[in-house]
PDB file of N, CA and C in Angstrom:
ATOM      1  N   UNK A   1      53.895  12.302 -28.825  1.00  0.00           N
ATOM      2  CA  UNK A   1      53.801  10.863 -28.902  1.00  0.00           C
ATOM      3  C   UNK A   1      54.932  10.344 -29.782  1.00  0.00           C
ATOM      4  N   UNK A   2      55.361   9.134 -29.513  1.00  0.00           N
ATOM      5  CA  UNK A   2      56.363   8.447 -30.331  1.00  0.00           C
ATOM      6  C   UNK A   2      55.753   7.123 -30.775  1.00  0.00           C
ATOM      7  N   UNK A   3      55.819   6.851 -32.066  1.00  0.00           N
ATOM      8  CA  UNK A   3      55.344   5.563 -32.582  1.00  0.00           C
ATOM      9  C   UNK A   3      56.528   4.830 -33.183  1.00  0.00           C
ATOM     10  N   UNK A   4      56.518   3.506 -33.043  1.00  0.00           N
ATOM     11  CA  UNK A   4      57.636   2.675 -33.514  1.00  0.00           C
ATOM     12  C   UNK A   4      57.094   1.527 -34.363  1.00  0.00           C
ATOM     13  N   UNK A   5      56.684   1.808 -35.603  1.00  0.00           N
ATOM     14  CA  UNK A   5      56.129   0.750 -36.443  1.00  0.00           C
ATOM     15  C   UNK A   5      57.168  -0.308 -36.779  1.00  0.00           C
ATOM     16  N   UNK A   6      56.668  -1.534 -37.009  1.00  0.00           N
ATOM     17  CA  UNK A   6      57.552  -2.666 -37.306  1.00  0.00           C
ATOM     18  C   UNK A   6      57.550  -3.031 -38.780  1.00  0.00           C
ATOM     19  N   UNK A   7      56.632  -2.440 -39.571  1.00  0.00           N
ATOM     20  CA  UNK A   7      56.579  -2.753 -40.995  1.00  0.00           C
ATOM     21  C   UNK A   7      55.962  -1.582 -41.757  1.00  0.00           C
ATOM     22  N   UNK A   8      56.011  -1.671 -43.074  1.00  0.00           N
ATOM     23  CA  UNK A   8      55.539  -0.558 -43.885  1.00  0.00           C
ATOM     24  C   UNK A   8      54.034  -0.340 -43.775  1.00  0.00           C
ATOM     25  N   UNK A   9      53.278  -1.377 -43.543  1.00  0.00           N
ATOM     26  CA  UNK A   9      51.832  -1.208 -43.372  1.00  0.00           C
ATOM     27  C   UNK A   9      51.543  -0.391 -42.118  1.00  0.00           C
ATOM     28  N   UNK A  10      52.281  -0.631 -41.055  1.00  0.00           N
ATOM     29  CA  UNK A  10      52.092   0.147 -39.839  1.00  0.00           C
ATOM     30  C   UNK A  10      52.496   1.608 -40.047  1.00  0.00           C
ATOM     31  N   UNK A  11      53.533   1.841 -40.847  1.00  0.00           N
ATOM     32  CA  UNK A  11      53.908   3.225 -41.173  1.00  0.00           C
ATOM     33  C   UNK A  11      52.747   3.901 -41.898  1.00  0.00           C
ATOM     34  N   UNK A  12      52.174   3.216 -42.874  1.00  0.00           N
ATOM     35  CA  UNK A  12      51.048   3.764 -43.624  1.00  0.00           C
ATOM     36  C   UNK A  12      49.870   4.060 -42.706  1.00  0.00           C
ATOM     37  N   UNK A  13      49.604   3.181 -41.765  1.00  0.00           N
ATOM     38  CA  UNK A  13      48.505   3.383 -40.818  1.00  0.00           C
ATOM     39  C   UNK A  13      48.745   4.610 -39.943  1.00  0.00           C
ATOM     40  N   UNK A  14      49.985   4.793 -39.502  1.00  0.00           N
ATOM     41  CA  UNK A  14      50.332   5.964 -38.681  1.00  0.00           C
ATOM     42  C   UNK A  14      50.144   7.244 -39.489  1.00  0.00           C
ATOM     43  N   UNK A  15      50.609   7.234 -40.737  1.00  0.00           N
ATOM     44  CA  UNK A  15      50.472   8.417 -41.583  1.00  0.00           C
ATOM     45  C   UNK A  15      48.997   8.755 -41.793  1.00  0.00           C
ATOM     46  N   UNK A  16      48.173   7.751 -42.042  1.00  0.00           N
ATOM     47  CA  UNK A  16      46.731   7.984 -42.218  1.00  0.00           C
ATOM     48  C   UNK A  16      46.104   8.557 -40.954  1.00  0.00           C
ATOM     49  N   UNK A  17      46.452   7.994 -39.798  1.00  0.00           N
ATOM     50  CA  UNK A  17      45.884   8.465 -38.534  1.00  0.00           C
ATOM     51  C   UNK A  17      46.317   9.894 -38.234  1.00  0.00           C
ATOM     52  N   UNK A  18      47.576  10.204 -38.480  1.00  0.00           N
ATOM     53  CA  UNK A  18      48.068  11.564 -38.238  1.00  0.00           C
ATOM     54  C   UNK A  18      47.405  12.552 -39.186  1.00  0.00           C
ATOM     55  N   UNK A  19      47.233  12.148 -40.423  1.00  0.00           N
ATOM     56  CA  UNK A  19      46.570  13.012 -41.396  1.00  0.00           C
ATOM     57  C   UNK A  19      45.137  13.307 -40.966  1.00  0.00           C
ATOM     58  N   UNK A  20      44.426  12.279 -40.548  1.00  0.00           N
ATOM     59  CA  UNK A  20      43.039  12.455 -40.112  1.00  0.00           C
ATOM     60  C   UNK A  20      42.935  13.360 -38.885  1.00  0.00           C
ATOM     61  N   UNK A  21      43.941  13.289 -38.013  1.00  0.00           N
ATOM     62  CA  UNK A  21      43.926  14.090 -36.780  1.00  0.00           C
ATOM     63  C   UNK A  21      44.567  15.467 -36.972  1.00  0.00           C
ATOM     64  N   UNK A  22      45.154  15.693 -38.141  1.00  0.00           N
ATOM     65  CA  UNK A  22      45.823  16.971 -38.385  1.00  0.00           C
ATOM     66  C   UNK A  22      47.133  17.117 -37.633  1.00  0.00           C
ATOM     67  N   UNK A  23      47.753  15.999 -37.282  1.00  0.00           N
ATOM     68  CA  UNK A  23      49.012  16.018 -36.532  1.00  0.00           C
ATOM     69  C   UNK A  23      50.193  15.938 -37.487  1.00  0.00           C
ATOM     70  N   UNK A  24      51.211  16.738 -37.226  1.00  0.00           N
ATOM     71  CA  UNK A  24      52.427  16.701 -38.024  1.00  0.00           C
ATOM     72  C   UNK A  24      53.271  15.497 -37.630  1.00  0.00           C
ATOM     73  N   UNK A  25      54.026  14.972 -38.596  1.00  0.00           N
ATOM     74  CA  UNK A  25      54.895  13.820 -38.360  1.00  0.00           C
ATOM     75  C   UNK A  25      56.346  14.268 -38.438  1.00  0.00           C
ATOM     76  N   UNK A  26      57.139  13.824 -37.463  1.00  0.00           N
ATOM     77  CA  UNK A  26      58.581  14.081 -37.466  1.00  0.00           C
ATOM     78  C   UNK A  26      59.271  12.731 -37.598  1.00  0.00           C
ATOM     79  N   UNK A  27      59.762  12.383 -38.815  1.00  0.00           N
ATOM     80  CA  UNK A  27      60.442  11.097 -38.979  1.00  0.00           C
ATOM     81  C   UNK A  27      61.792  11.112 -38.282  1.00  0.00           C
ATOM     82  N   UNK A  28      62.125   9.996 -37.673  1.00  0.00           N
ATOM     83  CA  UNK A  28      63.385   9.893 -36.941  1.00  0.00           C
ATOM     84  C   UNK A  28      64.045   8.579 -37.315  1.00  0.00           C
ATOM     85  N   UNK A  29      65.291   8.664 -37.807  1.00  0.00           N
ATOM     86  CA  UNK A  29      65.986   7.471 -38.283  1.00  0.00           C
ATOM     87  C   UNK A  29      67.114   7.049 -37.383  1.00  0.00           C
ATOM     88  N   UNK A  30      68.339   7.386 -37.769  1.00  0.00           N
ATOM     89  CA  UNK A  30      69.522   6.892 -37.082  1.00  0.00           C
ATOM     90  C   UNK A  30      69.914   7.606 -35.809  1.00  0.00           C
ATOM     91  N   UNK A  31      69.297   8.763 -35.538  1.00  0.00           N
ATOM     92  CA  UNK A  31      69.606   9.538 -34.334  1.00  0.00           C
ATOM     93  C   UNK A  31      71.090   9.874 -34.208  1.00  0.00           C
ATOM     94  N   UNK A  32      71.695  10.273 -35.329  1.00  0.00           N
ATOM     95  CA  UNK A  32      73.105  10.642 -35.298  1.00  0.00           C
ATOM     96  C   UNK A  32      73.312  12.048 -34.762  1.00  0.00           C
ATOM     97  N   UNK A  33      72.247  12.843 -34.755  1.00  0.00           N
ATOM     98  CA  UNK A  33      72.367  14.228 -34.321  1.00  0.00           C
ATOM     99  C   UNK A  33      72.815  15.147 -35.436  1.00  0.00           C
ATOM    100  N   UNK A  34      73.052  14.599 -36.625  1.00  0.00           N
ATOM    101  CA  UNK A  34      73.504  15.411 -37.745  1.00  0.00           C
ATOM    102  C   UNK A  34      72.348  16.105 -38.459  1.00  0.00           C
ATOM    103  N   UNK A  35      71.147  15.613 -38.278  1.00  0.00           N
ATOM    104  CA  UNK A  35      69.968  16.206 -38.918  1.00  0.00           C
ATOM    105  C   UNK A  35      69.023  16.711 -37.837  1.00  0.00           C
ATOM    106  N   UNK A  36      69.027  18.012 -37.634  1.00  0.00           N
ATOM    107  CA  UNK A  36      68.204  18.596 -36.577  1.00  0.00           C
ATOM    108  C   UNK A  36      66.723  18.494 -36.913  1.00  0.00           C
ATOM    109  N   UNK A  37      66.389  18.215 -38.167  1.00  0.00           N
ATOM    110  CA  UNK A  37      65.002  18.105 -38.577  1.00  0.00           C
ATOM    111  C   UNK A  37      64.273  16.931 -37.959  1.00  0.00           C
ATOM    112  N   UNK A  38      64.968  16.048 -37.273  1.00  0.00           N
ATOM    113  CA  UNK A  38      64.312  14.886 -36.677  1.00  0.00           C
ATOM    114  C   UNK A  38      63.917  15.126 -35.222  1.00  0.00           C
ATOM    115  N   UNK A  39      63.934  16.389 -34.812  1.00  0.00           N
ATOM    116  CA  UNK A  39      63.582  16.749 -33.438  1.00  0.00           C
ATOM    117  C   UNK A  39      62.258  17.504 -33.458  1.00  0.00           C
ATOM    118  N   UNK A  40      61.259  17.046 -32.698  1.00  0.00           N
ATOM    119  CA  UNK A  40      59.976  17.763 -32.685  1.00  0.00           C
ATOM    120  C   UNK A  40      60.131  19.135 -32.019  1.00  0.00           C
ATOM    121  N   UNK A  41      59.245  20.061 -32.386  1.00  0.00           N
ATOM    122  CA  UNK A  41      59.301  21.383 -31.772  1.00  0.00           C
ATOM    123  C   UNK A  41      58.619  21.353 -30.398  1.00  0.00           C
ATOM    124  N   UNK A  42      58.479  22.499 -29.783  1.00  0.00           N
ATOM    125  CA  UNK A  42      57.919  22.582 -28.432  1.00  0.00           C
ATOM    126  C   UNK A  42      56.395  22.686 -28.404  1.00  0.00           C
ATOM    127  N   UNK A  43      55.747  22.532 -29.550  1.00  0.00           N
ATOM    128  CA  UNK A  43      54.293  22.716 -29.604  1.00  0.00           C
ATOM    129  C   UNK A  43      53.526  21.583 -28.928  1.00  0.00           C
ATOM    130  N   UNK A  44      54.132  20.393 -28.886  1.00  0.00           N
ATOM    131  CA  UNK A  44      53.426  19.242 -28.316  1.00  0.00           C
ATOM    132  C   UNK A  44      52.378  18.667 -29.241  1.00  0.00           C
ATOM    133  N   UNK A  45      52.381  19.092 -30.494  1.00  0.00           N
ATOM    134  CA  UNK A  45      51.368  18.619 -31.442  1.00  0.00           C
ATOM    135  C   UNK A  45      51.926  17.685 -32.502  1.00  0.00           C
ATOM    136  N   UNK A  46      53.198  17.362 -32.435  1.00  0.00           N
ATOM    137  CA  UNK A  46      53.826  16.524 -33.445  1.00  0.00           C
ATOM    138  C   UNK A  46      53.989  15.084 -32.947  1.00  0.00           C
ATOM    139  N   UNK A  47      53.959  14.160 -33.894  1.00  0.00           N
ATOM    140  CA  UNK A  47      54.155  12.744 -33.597  1.00  0.00           C
ATOM    141  C   UNK A  47      55.518  12.339 -34.150  1.00  0.00           C
ATOM    142  N   UNK A  48      56.361  11.770 -33.307  1.00  0.00           N
ATOM    143  CA  UNK A  48      57.663  11.280 -33.753  1.00  0.00           C
ATOM    144  C   UNK A  48      57.460   9.881 -34.322  1.00  0.00           C
ATOM    145  N   UNK A  49      57.865   9.715 -35.571  1.00  0.00           N
ATOM    146  CA  UNK A  49      57.765   8.428 -36.253  1.00  0.00           C
ATOM    147  C   UNK A  49      59.152   7.802 -36.275  1.00  0.00           C
ATOM    148  N   UNK A  50      59.416   6.945 -35.306  1.00  0.00           N
ATOM    149  CA  UNK A  50      60.713   6.287 -35.201  1.00  0.00           C
ATOM    150  C   UNK A  50      60.794   5.161 -36.230  1.00  0.00           C
ATOM    151  N   UNK A  51      61.853   5.196 -37.036  1.00  0.00           N
ATOM    152  CA  UNK A  51      62.059   4.164 -38.059  1.00  0.00           C
ATOM    153  C   UNK A  51      63.084   3.130 -37.617  1.00  0.00           C
ATOM    154  N   UNK A  52      63.402   3.136 -36.344  1.00  0.00           N
ATOM    155  CA  UNK A  52      64.443   2.274 -35.789  1.00  0.00           C
ATOM    156  C   UNK A  52      64.166   0.787 -35.997  1.00  0.00           C
ATOM    157  N   UNK A  53      62.919   0.382 -35.926  1.00  0.00           N
ATOM    158  CA  UNK A  53      62.591  -1.035 -36.052  1.00  0.00           C
ATOM    159  C   UNK A  53      62.572  -1.520 -37.499  1.00  0.00           C
ATOM    160  N   UNK A  54      62.583  -0.586 -38.453  1.00  0.00           N
ATOM    161  CA  UNK A  54      62.600  -0.957 -39.870  1.00  0.00           C
ATOM    162  C   UNK A  54      64.053  -1.100 -40.294  1.00  0.00           C
ATOM    163  N   UNK A  55      64.621  -2.262 -40.055  1.00  0.00           N
ATOM    164  CA  UNK A  55      66.064  -2.432 -40.245  1.00  0.00           C
ATOM    165  C   UNK A  55      66.441  -3.654 -41.090  1.00  0.00           C
ATOM    166  N   UNK A  56      65.502  -4.160 -41.866  1.00  0.00           N
ATOM    167  CA  UNK A  56      65.783  -5.359 -42.656  1.00  0.00           C
ATOM    168  C   UNK A  56      66.245  -5.015 -44.071  1.00  0.00           C
ATOM    169  N   UNK A  57      67.117  -5.829 -44.609  1.00  0.00           N
ATOM    170  CA  UNK A  57      67.519  -5.750 -46.014  1.00  0.00           C
ATOM    171  C   UNK A  57      66.677  -6.769 -46.763  1.00  0.00           C
ATOM    172  N   UNK A  58      65.925  -6.302 -47.754  1.00  0.00           N
ATOM    173  CA  UNK A  58      65.012  -7.178 -48.494  1.00  0.00           C
ATOM    174  C   UNK A  58      65.684  -7.859 -49.680  1.00  0.00           C
ATOM    175  N   UNK A  59      66.356  -7.101 -50.506  1.00  0.00           N
ATOM    176  CA  UNK A  59      67.045  -7.687 -51.662  1.00  0.00           C
ATOM    177  C   UNK A  59      68.317  -6.900 -51.956  1.00  0.00           C
ATOM    178  N   UNK A  60      69.293  -7.593 -52.527  1.00  0.00           N
ATOM    179  CA  UNK A  60      70.523  -6.959 -52.997  1.00  0.00           C
ATOM    180  C   UNK A  60      70.699  -7.320 -54.456  1.00  0.00           C
ATOM    181  N   UNK A  61      70.846  -6.305 -55.282  1.00  0.00           N
ATOM    182  CA  UNK A  61      71.052  -6.487 -56.712  1.00  0.00           C
ATOM    183  C   UNK A  61      72.482  -6.044 -57.019  1.00  0.00           C
ATOM    184  N   UNK A  62      73.415  -6.980 -56.937  1.00  0.00           N
ATOM    185  CA  UNK A  62      74.830  -6.653 -57.136  1.00  0.00           C
ATOM    186  C   UNK A  62      75.110  -6.170 -58.556  1.00  0.00           C
ATOM    187  N   UNK A  63      74.397  -6.686 -59.526  1.00  0.00           N
ATOM    188  CA  UNK A  63      74.622  -6.292 -60.917  1.00  0.00           C
ATOM    189  C   UNK A  63      74.307  -4.818 -61.160  1.00  0.00           C
ATOM    190  N   UNK A  64      73.300  -4.298 -60.450  1.00  0.00           N
ATOM    191  CA  UNK A  64      72.916  -2.898 -60.614  1.00  0.00           C
ATOM    192  C   UNK A  64      73.335  -2.021 -59.445  1.00  0.00           C
ATOM    193  N   UNK A  65      74.080  -2.615 -58.506  1.00  0.00           N
ATOM    194  CA  UNK A  65      74.565  -1.889 -57.337  1.00  0.00           C
ATOM    195  C   UNK A  65      73.435  -1.196 -56.561  1.00  0.00           C
ATOM    196  N   UNK A  66      72.344  -1.937 -56.329  1.00  0.00           N
ATOM    197  CA  UNK A  66      71.219  -1.402 -55.562  1.00  0.00           C
ATOM    198  C   UNK A  66      70.780  -2.406 -54.510  1.00  0.00           C
ATOM    199  N   UNK A  67      70.032  -1.922 -53.551  1.00  0.00           N
ATOM    200  CA  UNK A  67      69.409  -2.793 -52.566  1.00  0.00           C
ATOM    201  C   UNK A  67      68.079  -2.210 -52.153  1.00  0.00           C
ATOM    202  N   UNK A  68      67.171  -3.080 -51.748  1.00  0.00           N
ATOM    203  CA  UNK A  68      65.886  -2.667 -51.224  1.00  0.00           C
ATOM    204  C   UNK A  68      65.897  -2.911 -49.734  1.00  0.00           C
ATOM    205  N   UNK A  69      65.658  -1.864 -48.977  1.00  0.00           N
ATOM    206  CA  UNK A  69      65.650  -1.959 -47.523  1.00  0.00           C
ATOM    207  C   UNK A  69      64.345  -1.414 -47.002  1.00  0.00           C
ATOM    208  N   UNK A  70      64.053  -1.658 -45.742  1.00  0.00           N
ATOM    209  CA  UNK A  70      62.829  -1.130 -45.157  1.00  0.00           C
ATOM    210  C   UNK A  70      62.929   0.337 -44.914  1.00  0.00           C
TER     211      UNK A  70
END
């Protein structure tokens, strides 16, 4: 299965549901192909957690050179 949450609450809900079902989660971000860890195995028991929709910048703190993103 692939889930595509739109906010952090939905991510939390997916994690809770997977935990209750004993399903492993495979987080998937930019799909650059540089991190093979974002590919589920052949077991068919893992849930792909796509973070593609979490793409907003919340705050930028120029003084401390940090930002908060989804």
